[in-house]
Amino acid sequence: EEREKRGVDDIYIMRVEQLYPFPIAPVMKELERFRSADMVWCQEEPRNMGAWPMMDEWIGEVLGRVPRYIGRKAAASPSTGSPSIHRQAQKALIEEVFKF
């Protein structure tokens, strides 16, 4: 939706649904098309939560390099508890991805 709104056609978004066991063959097949592209892992959860702690290693093995991380800083809680701060953080994540 955000790509269309911005008129961006040079960003590919891949969603990994199955984290364990990591689907190496399908992910390799999909990412092989983008071997020379810049890779980014973006997630809503803080850096020490969500999928990133596992995915940096696994995707790194598949790509031969670790993708750049875009997401919230490590935190003790998965949420700030404030809807307005959450919306601001979401907007900041989107902006960071599309300026990369």
PDB file of N, CA and C in Angstrom:
ATOM      1  N   GLU A   1       0.826  -1.186   0.000  1.00  0.00           N
ATOM      2  CA  GLU A   1       0.000   0.000   0.000  1.00  0.00           C
ATOM      3  C   GLU A   1       0.881   1.264   0.000  1.00  0.00           C
ATOM      4  N   GLU A   2       1.893   1.262   0.840  1.00  0.00           N
ATOM      5  CA  GLU A   2       2.772   2.439   0.929  1.00  0.00           C
ATOM      6  C   GLU A   2       3.573   2.637  -0.352  1.00  0.00           C
ATOM      7  N   ARG A   3       4.003   1.541  -0.965  1.00  0.00           N
ATOM      8  CA  ARG A   3       4.732   1.656  -2.242  1.00  0.00           C
ATOM      9  C   ARG A   3       3.853   2.322  -3.287  1.00  0.00           C
ATOM     10  N   GLU A   4       2.612   1.884  -3.388  1.00  0.00           N
ATOM     11  CA  GLU A   4       1.692   2.465  -4.371  1.00  0.00           C
ATOM     12  C   GLU A   4       1.441   3.935  -4.080  1.00  0.00           C
ATOM     13  N   LYS A   5       1.229   4.260  -2.828  1.00  0.00           N
ATOM     14  CA  LYS A   5       0.963   5.644  -2.436  1.00  0.00           C
ATOM     15  C   LYS A   5       2.136   6.550  -2.823  1.00  0.00           C
ATOM     16  N   ARG A   6       3.354   6.034  -2.697  1.00  0.00           N
ATOM     17  CA  ARG A   6       4.555   6.816  -3.001  1.00  0.00           C
ATOM     18  C   ARG A   6       5.001   6.685  -4.456  1.00  0.00           C
ATOM     19  N   GLY A   7       4.366   5.781  -5.191  1.00  0.00           N
ATOM     20  CA  GLY A   7       4.760   5.572  -6.578  1.00  0.00           C
ATOM     21  C   GLY A   7       6.119   4.904  -6.708  1.00  0.00           C
ATOM     22  N   VAL A   8       6.455   4.067  -5.757  1.00  0.00           N
ATOM     23  CA  VAL A   8       7.754   3.389  -5.733  1.00  0.00           C
ATOM     24  C   VAL A   8       7.616   2.023  -6.396  1.00  0.00           C
ATOM     25  N   ASP A   9       8.502   1.732  -7.356  1.00  0.00           N
ATOM     26  CA  ASP A   9       8.438   0.423  -8.000  1.00  0.00           C
ATOM     27  C   ASP A   9       9.781  -0.315  -7.969  1.00  0.00           C
ATOM     28  N   ASP A  10      10.727   0.180  -7.175  1.00  0.00           N
ATOM     29  CA  ASP A  10      12.024  -0.490  -7.117  1.00  0.00           C
ATOM     30  C   ASP A  10      12.337  -1.068  -5.743  1.00  0.00           C
ATOM     31  N   ILE A  11      11.297  -1.285  -4.946  1.00  0.00           N
ATOM     32  CA  ILE A  11      11.447  -1.947  -3.645  1.00  0.00           C
ATOM     33  C   ILE A  11      10.599  -3.205  -3.658  1.00  0.00           C
ATOM     34  N   TYR A  12      11.240  -4.324  -3.336  1.00  0.00           N
ATOM     35  CA  TYR A  12      10.548  -5.610  -3.256  1.00  0.00           C
ATOM     36  C   TYR A  12      10.340  -5.923  -1.785  1.00  0.00           C
ATOM     37  N   ILE A  13       9.139  -6.292  -1.413  1.00  0.00           N
ATOM     38  CA  ILE A  13       8.842  -6.632  -0.025  1.00  0.00           C
ATOM     39  C   ILE A  13       8.507  -8.112   0.043  1.00  0.00           C
ATOM     40  N   MET A  14       9.233  -8.812   0.901  1.00  0.00           N
ATOM     41  CA  MET A  14       8.998 -10.243   1.098  1.00  0.00           C
ATOM     42  C   MET A  14       8.655 -10.466   2.564  1.00  0.00           C
ATOM     43  N   ARG A  15       7.606 -11.171   2.792  1.00  0.00           N
ATOM     44  CA  ARG A  15       7.176 -11.482   4.152  1.00  0.00           C
ATOM     45  C   ARG A  15       7.516 -12.932   4.440  1.00  0.00           C
ATOM     46  N   VAL A  16       8.202 -13.176   5.536  1.00  0.00           N
ATOM     47  CA  VAL A  16       8.555 -14.540   5.933  1.00  0.00           C
ATOM     48  C   VAL A  16       7.578 -14.960   7.025  1.00  0.00           C
ATOM     49  N   GLU A  17       6.727 -15.906   6.708  1.00  0.00           N
ATOM     50  CA  GLU A  17       5.702 -16.358   7.648  1.00  0.00           C
ATOM     51  C   GLU A  17       6.205 -17.472   8.560  1.00  0.00           C
ATOM     52  N   GLN A  18       6.984 -18.370   8.007  1.00  0.00           N
ATOM     53  CA  GLN A  18       7.476 -19.505   8.777  1.00  0.00           C
ATOM     54  C   GLN A  18       8.896 -19.210   9.229  1.00  0.00           C
ATOM     55  N   LEU A  19       9.083 -19.118  10.529  1.00  0.00           N
ATOM     56  CA  LEU A  19      10.408 -18.810  11.049  1.00  0.00           C
ATOM     57  C   LEU A  19      11.193 -20.060  11.446  1.00  0.00           C
ATOM     58  N   TYR A  20      10.478 -21.093  11.894  1.00  0.00           N
ATOM     59  CA  TYR A  20      11.167 -22.320  12.292  1.00  0.00           C
ATOM     60  C   TYR A  20      10.311 -23.527  11.954  1.00  0.00           C
ATOM     61  N   PRO A  21      10.849 -24.542  11.343  1.00  0.00           N
ATOM     62  CA  PRO A  21      12.200 -24.541  10.798  1.00  0.00           C
ATOM     63  C   PRO A  21      12.302 -23.540   9.647  1.00  0.00           C
ATOM     64  N   PHE A  22      13.433 -22.848   9.592  1.00  0.00           N
ATOM     65  CA  PHE A  22      13.621 -21.814   8.579  1.00  0.00           C
ATOM     66  C   PHE A  22      13.565 -22.430   7.183  1.00  0.00           C
ATOM     67  N   PRO A  23      12.708 -21.888   6.303  1.00  0.00           N
ATOM     68  CA  PRO A  23      12.530 -22.450   4.957  1.00  0.00           C
ATOM     69  C   PRO A  23      13.665 -22.029   4.004  1.00  0.00           C
ATOM     70  N   ILE A  24      14.827 -22.616   4.172  1.00  0.00           N
ATOM     71  CA  ILE A  24      16.022 -22.192   3.434  1.00  0.00           C
ATOM     72  C   ILE A  24      15.814 -22.228   1.924  1.00  0.00           C
ATOM     73  N   ALA A  25      15.341 -23.339   1.394  1.00  0.00           N
ATOM     74  CA  ALA A  25      15.221 -23.473  -0.070  1.00  0.00           C
ATOM     75  C   ALA A  25      14.293 -22.418  -0.679  1.00  0.00           C
ATOM     76  N   PRO A  26      13.063 -22.238  -0.169  1.00  0.00           N
ATOM     77  CA  PRO A  26      12.197 -21.221  -0.770  1.00  0.00           C
ATOM     78  C   PRO A  26      12.745 -19.799  -0.616  1.00  0.00           C
ATOM     79  N   VAL A  27      13.349 -19.499   0.522  1.00  0.00           N
ATOM     80  CA  VAL A  27      13.900 -18.157   0.721  1.00  0.00           C
ATOM     81  C   VAL A  27      15.079 -17.933  -0.218  1.00  0.00           C
ATOM     82  N   MET A  28      15.950 -18.929  -0.349  1.00  0.00           N
ATOM     83  CA  MET A  28      17.086 -18.802  -1.264  1.00  0.00           C
ATOM     84  C   MET A  28      16.605 -18.581  -2.691  1.00  0.00           C
ATOM     85  N   LYS A  29      15.609 -19.362  -3.090  1.00  0.00           N
ATOM     86  CA  LYS A  29      15.082 -19.229  -4.451  1.00  0.00           C
ATOM     87  C   LYS A  29      14.532 -17.827  -4.698  1.00  0.00           C
ATOM     88  N   GLU A  30      13.807 -17.306  -3.730  1.00  0.00           N
ATOM     89  CA  GLU A  30      13.207 -15.981  -3.879  1.00  0.00           C
ATOM     90  C   GLU A  30      14.273 -14.880  -3.880  1.00  0.00           C
ATOM     91  N   LEU A  31      15.216 -14.954  -2.946  1.00  0.00           N
ATOM     92  CA  LEU A  31      16.212 -13.896  -2.818  1.00  0.00           C
ATOM     93  C   LEU A  31      17.325 -13.979  -3.862  1.00  0.00           C
ATOM     94  N   GLU A  32      17.478 -15.105  -4.499  1.00  0.00           N
ATOM     95  CA  GLU A  32      18.508 -15.257  -5.535  1.00  0.00           C
ATOM     96  C   GLU A  32      18.339 -14.206  -6.630  1.00  0.00           C
ATOM     97  N   ARG A  33      17.120 -13.825  -6.895  1.00  0.00           N
ATOM     98  CA  ARG A  33      16.849 -12.814  -7.928  1.00  0.00           C
ATOM     99  C   ARG A  33      17.423 -11.450  -7.559  1.00  0.00           C
ATOM    100  N   PHE A  34      17.711 -11.262  -6.279  1.00  0.00           N
ATOM    101  CA  PHE A  34      18.138  -9.949  -5.792  1.00  0.00           C
ATOM    102  C   PHE A  34      19.533  -9.998  -5.171  1.00  0.00           C
ATOM    103  N   ARG A  35      20.382 -10.857  -5.658  1.00  0.00           N
ATOM    104  CA  ARG A  35      21.717 -11.059  -5.077  1.00  0.00           C
ATOM    105  C   ARG A  35      22.493  -9.763  -4.879  1.00  0.00           C
ATOM    106  N   SER A  36      22.406  -8.839  -5.818  1.00  0.00           N
ATOM    107  CA  SER A  36      23.205  -7.613  -5.717  1.00  0.00           C
ATOM    108  C   SER A  36      22.433  -6.444  -5.094  1.00  0.00           C
ATOM    109  N   ALA A  37      21.205  -6.676  -4.713  1.00  0.00           N
ATOM    110  CA  ALA A  37      20.383  -5.597  -4.151  1.00  0.00           C
ATOM    111  C   ALA A  37      20.729  -5.338  -2.688  1.00  0.00           C
ATOM    112  N   ASP A  38      20.451  -4.133  -2.232  1.00  0.00           N
ATOM    113  CA  ASP A  38      20.551  -3.833  -0.806  1.00  0.00           C
ATOM    114  C   ASP A  38      19.421  -4.570  -0.109  1.00  0.00           C
ATOM    115  N   MET A  39      19.727  -5.196   1.010  1.00  0.00           N
ATOM    116  CA  MET A  39      18.721  -5.945   1.752  1.00  0.00           C
ATOM    117  C   MET A  39      18.497  -5.307   3.109  1.00  0.00           C
ATOM    118  N   VAL A  40      17.217  -5.246   3.490  1.00  0.00           N
ATOM    119  CA  VAL A  40      16.816  -4.643   4.752  1.00  0.00           C
ATOM    120  C   VAL A  40      15.848  -5.595   5.441  1.00  0.00           C
ATOM    121  N   TRP A  41      16.001  -5.755   6.747  1.00  0.00           N
ATOM    122  CA  TRP A  41      14.996  -6.457   7.550  1.00  0.00           C
ATOM    123  C   TRP A  41      14.284  -5.390   8.357  1.00  0.00           C
ATOM    124  N   CYS A  42      12.978  -5.293   8.211  1.00  0.00           N
ATOM    125  CA  CYS A  42      12.201  -4.311   8.946  1.00  0.00           C
ATOM    126  C   CYS A  42      11.154  -5.038   9.772  1.00  0.00           C
ATOM    127  N   GLN A  43      11.059  -4.641  11.035  1.00  0.00           N
ATOM    128  CA  GLN A  43      10.041  -5.233  11.899  1.00  0.00           C
ATOM    129  C   GLN A  43       9.532  -4.192  12.879  1.00  0.00           C
ATOM    130  N   GLU A  44       8.300  -4.412  13.340  1.00  0.00           N
ATOM    131  CA  GLU A  44       7.675  -3.499  14.300  1.00  0.00           C
ATOM    132  C   GLU A  44       8.213  -3.709  15.715  1.00  0.00           C
ATOM    133  N   GLU A  45       8.539  -4.938  16.041  1.00  0.00           N
ATOM    134  CA  GLU A  45       8.978  -5.252  17.395  1.00  0.00           C
ATOM    135  C   GLU A  45      10.361  -4.654  17.670  1.00  0.00           C
ATOM    136  N   PRO A  46      10.695  -4.461  18.954  1.00  0.00           N
ATOM    137  CA  PRO A  46      12.040  -4.009  19.280  1.00  0.00           C
ATOM    138  C   PRO A  46      13.100  -5.001  18.769  1.00  0.00           C
ATOM    139  N   ARG A  47      14.315  -4.510  18.601  1.00  0.00           N
ATOM    140  CA  ARG A  47      15.409  -5.295  18.021  1.00  0.00           C
ATOM    141  C   ARG A  47      15.636  -6.627  18.743  1.00  0.00           C
ATOM    142  N   ASN A  48      15.467  -6.659  20.055  1.00  0.00           N
ATOM    143  CA  ASN A  48      15.708  -7.878  20.821  1.00  0.00           C
ATOM    144  C   ASN A  48      14.481  -8.788  20.890  1.00  0.00           C
ATOM    145  N   MET A  49      13.441  -8.449  20.151  1.00  0.00           N
ATOM    146  CA  MET A  49      12.223  -9.269  20.123  1.00  0.00           C
ATOM    147  C   MET A  49      11.862  -9.544  18.672  1.00  0.00           C
ATOM    148  N   GLY A  50      10.734 -10.151  18.455  1.00  0.00           N
ATOM    149  CA  GLY A  50      10.336 -10.436  17.083  1.00  0.00           C
ATOM    150  C   GLY A  50      11.281 -11.445  16.439  1.00  0.00           C
ATOM    151  N   ALA A  51      11.347 -11.422  15.133  1.00  0.00           N
ATOM    152  CA  ALA A  51      12.098 -12.432  14.386  1.00  0.00           C
ATOM    153  C   ALA A  51      13.574 -12.081  14.197  1.00  0.00           C
ATOM    154  N   TRP A  52      13.952 -10.817  14.325  1.00  0.00           N
ATOM    155  CA  TRP A  52      15.317 -10.403  14.002  1.00  0.00           C
ATOM    156  C   TRP A  52      16.415 -11.215  14.690  1.00  0.00           C
ATOM    157  N   PRO A  53      16.324 -11.504  15.989  1.00  0.00           N
ATOM    158  CA  PRO A  53      17.422 -12.244  16.614  1.00  0.00           C
ATOM    159  C   PRO A  53      17.751 -13.585  15.931  1.00  0.00           C
ATOM    160  N   MET A  54      16.784 -14.203  15.286  1.00  0.00           N
ATOM    161  CA  MET A  54      17.034 -15.443  14.541  1.00  0.00           C
ATOM    162  C   MET A  54      17.321 -15.153  13.075  1.00  0.00           C
ATOM    163  N   MET A  55      16.586 -14.225  12.512  1.00  0.00           N
ATOM    164  CA  MET A  55      16.661 -14.011  11.067  1.00  0.00           C
ATOM    165  C   MET A  55      17.979 -13.405  10.608  1.00  0.00           C
ATOM    166  N   ASP A  56      18.637 -12.613  11.436  1.00  0.00           N
ATOM    167  CA  ASP A  56      19.905 -12.040  10.990  1.00  0.00           C
ATOM    168  C   ASP A  56      20.901 -13.141  10.659  1.00  0.00           C
ATOM    169  N   GLU A  57      20.913 -14.181  11.469  1.00  0.00           N
ATOM    170  CA  GLU A  57      21.823 -15.300  11.212  1.00  0.00           C
ATOM    171  C   GLU A  57      21.369 -16.131  10.012  1.00  0.00           C
ATOM    172  N   TRP A  58      20.105 -16.490   9.970  1.00  0.00           N
ATOM    173  CA  TRP A  58      19.626 -17.362   8.905  1.00  0.00           C
ATOM    174  C   TRP A  58      19.645 -16.679   7.542  1.00  0.00           C
ATOM    175  N   ILE A  59      19.164 -15.460   7.485  1.00  0.00           N
ATOM    176  CA  ILE A  59      19.192 -14.754   6.204  1.00  0.00           C
ATOM    177  C   ILE A  59      20.641 -14.475   5.816  1.00  0.00           C
ATOM    178  N   GLY A  60      21.477 -14.192   6.807  1.00  0.00           N
ATOM    179  CA  GLY A  60      22.897 -14.002   6.530  1.00  0.00           C
ATOM    180  C   GLY A  60      23.524 -15.221   5.887  1.00  0.00           C
ATOM    181  N   GLU A  61      23.144 -16.400   6.341  1.00  0.00           N
ATOM    182  CA  GLU A  61      23.648 -17.636   5.737  1.00  0.00           C
ATOM    183  C   GLU A  61      23.155 -17.783   4.303  1.00  0.00           C
ATOM    184  N   VAL A  62      21.902 -17.450   4.060  1.00  0.00           N
ATOM    185  CA  VAL A  62      21.325 -17.568   2.721  1.00  0.00           C
ATOM    186  C   VAL A  62      21.955 -16.558   1.770  1.00  0.00           C
ATOM    187  N   LEU A  63      22.103 -15.310   2.228  1.00  0.00           N
ATOM    188  CA  LEU A  63      22.615 -14.242   1.373  1.00  0.00           C
ATOM    189  C   LEU A  63      24.134 -14.154   1.349  1.00  0.00           C
ATOM    190  N   GLY A  64      24.755 -14.683   2.390  1.00  0.00           N
ATOM    191  CA  GLY A  64      26.183 -14.503   2.528  1.00  0.00           C
ATOM    192  C   GLY A  64      26.517 -13.148   3.138  1.00  0.00           C
ATOM    193  N   ARG A  65      25.523 -12.444   3.614  1.00  0.00           N
ATOM    194  CA  ARG A  65      25.679 -11.152   4.292  1.00  0.00           C
ATOM    195  C   ARG A  65      24.430 -10.896   5.118  1.00  0.00           C
ATOM    196  N   VAL A  66      24.571 -10.109   6.165  1.00  0.00           N
ATOM    197  CA  VAL A  66      23.443  -9.811   7.045  1.00  0.00           C
ATOM    198  C   VAL A  66      22.726  -8.568   6.525  1.00  0.00           C
ATOM    199  N   PRO A  67      21.396  -8.617   6.405  1.00  0.00           N
ATOM    200  CA  PRO A  67      20.661  -7.440   5.953  1.00  0.00           C
ATOM    201  C   PRO A  67      20.751  -6.307   6.974  1.00  0.00           C
ATOM    202  N   ARG A  68      20.528  -5.108   6.526  1.00  0.00           N
ATOM    203  CA  ARG A  68      20.472  -3.954   7.420  1.00  0.00           C
ATOM    204  C   ARG A  68      19.181  -4.044   8.214  1.00  0.00           C
ATOM    205  N   TYR A  69      19.245  -3.726   9.492  1.00  0.00           N
ATOM    206  CA  TYR A  69      18.071  -3.772  10.366  1.00  0.00           C
ATOM    207  C   TYR A  69      17.422  -2.401  10.435  1.00  0.00           C
ATOM    208  N   ILE A  70      16.120  -2.359  10.212  1.00  0.00           N
ATOM    209  CA  ILE A  70      15.323  -1.155  10.451  1.00  0.00           C
ATOM    210  C   ILE A  70      14.187  -1.568  11.373  1.00  0.00           C
ATOM    211  N   GLY A  71      14.163  -0.978  12.527  1.00  0.00           N
ATOM    212  CA  GLY A  71      13.132  -1.301  13.495  1.00  0.00           C
ATOM    213  C   GLY A  71      13.374  -0.538  14.777  1.00  0.00           C
ATOM    214  N   ARG A  72      12.590  -0.866  15.760  1.00  0.00           N
ATOM    215  CA  ARG A  72      12.733  -0.190  17.042  1.00  0.00           C
ATOM    216  C   ARG A  72      14.007  -0.647  17.759  1.00  0.00           C
ATOM    217  N   LYS A  73      14.525   0.203  18.618  1.00  0.00           N
ATOM    218  CA  LYS A  73      15.689  -0.145  19.430  1.00  0.00           C
ATOM    219  C   LYS A  73      15.288  -1.234  20.417  1.00  0.00           C
ATOM    220  N   ALA A  74      16.272  -1.950  20.932  1.00  0.00           N
ATOM    221  CA  ALA A  74      16.013  -2.975  21.947  1.00  0.00           C
ATOM    222  C   ALA A  74      15.283  -2.342  23.126  1.00  0.00           C
ATOM    223  N   ALA A  75      14.368  -3.098  23.698  1.00  0.00           N
ATOM    224  CA  ALA A  75      13.558  -2.579  24.806  1.00  0.00           C
ATOM    225  C   ALA A  75      13.111  -3.714  25.710  1.00  0.00           C
ATOM    226  N   ALA A  76      12.720  -3.364  26.925  1.00  0.00           N
ATOM    227  CA  ALA A  76      12.230  -4.353  27.879  1.00  0.00           C
ATOM    228  C   ALA A  76      10.784  -4.736  27.617  1.00  0.00           C
ATOM    229  N   SER A  77      10.063  -3.878  26.891  1.00  0.00           N
ATOM    230  CA  SER A  77       8.653  -4.104  26.614  1.00  0.00           C
ATOM    231  C   SER A  77       8.414  -4.034  25.108  1.00  0.00           C
ATOM    232  N   PRO A  78       7.510  -4.863  24.579  1.00  0.00           N
ATOM    233  CA  PRO A  78       7.238  -4.811  23.148  1.00  0.00           C
ATOM    234  C   PRO A  78       6.448  -3.578  22.714  1.00  0.00           C
ATOM    235  N   SER A  79       5.925  -2.817  23.665  1.00  0.00           N
ATOM    236  CA  SER A  79       5.097  -1.667  23.319  1.00  0.00           C
ATOM    237  C   SER A  79       5.329  -0.534  24.311  1.00  0.00           C
ATOM    238  N   THR A  80       5.142   0.691  23.824  1.00  0.00           N
ATOM    239  CA  THR A  80       5.262   1.847  24.713  1.00  0.00           C
ATOM    240  C   THR A  80       4.026   2.019  25.579  1.00  0.00           C
ATOM    241  N   GLY A  81       2.907   1.453  25.127  1.00  0.00           N
ATOM    242  CA  GLY A  81       1.657   1.615  25.860  1.00  0.00           C
ATOM    243  C   GLY A  81       0.897   2.866  25.465  1.00  0.00           C
ATOM    244  N   SER A  82       1.452   3.638  24.543  1.00  0.00           N
ATOM    245  CA  SER A  82       0.807   4.870  24.098  1.00  0.00           C
ATOM    246  C   SER A  82       0.486   4.768  22.606  1.00  0.00           C
ATOM    247  N   PRO A  83      -0.785   4.811  22.230  1.00  0.00           N
ATOM    248  CA  PRO A  83      -1.134   4.730  20.811  1.00  0.00           C
ATOM    249  C   PRO A  83      -0.493   5.830  19.960  1.00  0.00           C
ATOM    250  N   SER A  84      -0.398   7.038  20.488  1.00  0.00           N
ATOM    251  CA  SER A  84       0.184   8.121  19.685  1.00  0.00           C
ATOM    252  C   SER A  84       1.685   7.912  19.472  1.00  0.00           C
ATOM    253  N   ILE A  85       2.383   7.456  20.488  1.00  0.00           N
ATOM    254  CA  ILE A  85       3.819   7.168  20.331  1.00  0.00           C
ATOM    255  C   ILE A  85       4.007   5.992  19.385  1.00  0.00           C
ATOM    256  N   HIS A  86       3.118   5.004  19.469  1.00  0.00           N
ATOM    257  CA  HIS A  86       3.187   3.853  18.559  1.00  0.00           C
ATOM    258  C   HIS A  86       3.024   4.305  17.111  1.00  0.00           C
ATOM    259  N   ARG A  87       2.051   5.157  16.845  1.00  0.00           N
ATOM    260  CA  ARG A  87       1.841   5.660  15.481  1.00  0.00           C
ATOM    261  C   ARG A  87       3.054   6.438  14.979  1.00  0.00           C
ATOM    262  N   GLN A  88       3.651   7.244  15.828  1.00  0.00           N
ATOM    263  CA  GLN A  88       4.854   7.989  15.453  1.00  0.00           C
ATOM    264  C   GLN A  88       5.997   7.033  15.109  1.00  0.00           C
ATOM    265  N   ALA A  89       6.156   5.992  15.918  1.00  0.00           N
ATOM    266  CA  ALA A  89       7.222   5.009  15.672  1.00  0.00           C
ATOM    267  C   ALA A  89       6.971   4.262  14.365  1.00  0.00           C
ATOM    268  N   GLN A  90       5.723   3.891  14.092  1.00  0.00           N
ATOM    269  CA  GLN A  90       5.372   3.218  12.839  1.00  0.00           C
ATOM    270  C   GLN A  90       5.713   4.106  11.648  1.00  0.00           C
ATOM    271  N   LYS A  91       5.344   5.364  11.735  1.00  0.00           N
ATOM    272  CA  LYS A  91       5.621   6.302  10.651  1.00  0.00           C
ATOM    273  C   LYS A  91       7.125   6.433  10.430  1.00  0.00           C
ATOM    274  N   ALA A  92       7.886   6.483  11.510  1.00  0.00           N
ATOM    275  CA  ALA A  92       9.344   6.596  11.402  1.00  0.00           C
ATOM    276  C   ALA A  92       9.944   5.367  10.725  1.00  0.00           C
ATOM    277  N   LEU A  93       9.429   4.184  11.036  1.00  0.00           N
ATOM    278  CA  LEU A  93       9.915   2.948  10.393  1.00  0.00           C
ATOM    279  C   LEU A  93       9.668   2.993   8.886  1.00  0.00           C
ATOM    280  N   ILE A  94       8.473   3.379   8.498  1.00  0.00           N
ATOM    281  CA  ILE A  94       8.121   3.459   7.076  1.00  0.00           C
ATOM    282  C   ILE A  94       9.025   4.467   6.369  1.00  0.00           C
ATOM    283  N   GLU A  95       9.223   5.617   6.981  1.00  0.00           N
ATOM    284  CA  GLU A  95      10.087   6.637   6.379  1.00  0.00           C
ATOM    285  C   GLU A  95      11.502   6.112   6.193  1.00  0.00           C
ATOM    286  N   GLU A  96      12.014   5.414   7.183  1.00  0.00           N
ATOM    287  CA  GLU A  96      13.376   4.878   7.115  1.00  0.00           C
ATOM    288  C   GLU A  96      13.512   3.852   5.989  1.00  0.00           C
ATOM    289  N   VAL A  97      12.539   2.994   5.855  1.00  0.00           N
ATOM    290  CA  VAL A  97      12.573   1.984   4.789  1.00  0.00           C
ATOM    291  C   VAL A  97      12.576   2.650   3.418  1.00  0.00           C
ATOM    292  N   PHE A  98      11.748   3.636   3.226  1.00  0.00           N
ATOM    293  CA  PHE A  98      11.626   4.238   1.891  1.00  0.00           C
ATOM    294  C   PHE A  98      12.704   5.263   1.578  1.00  0.00           C
ATOM    295  N   LYS A  99      13.493   5.661   2.550  1.00  0.00           N
ATOM    296  CA  LYS A  99      14.618   6.535   2.226  1.00  0.00           C
ATOM    297  C   LYS A  99      15.896   5.731   2.023  1.00  0.00           C
ATOM    298  N   PHE A 100      15.866   4.463   2.364  1.00  0.00           N
ATOM    299  CA  PHE A 100      17.027   3.588   2.208  1.00  0.00           C
ATOM    300  C   PHE A 100      17.260   3.428   0.748  1.00  0.00           C
TER     301      PHE A 100
END
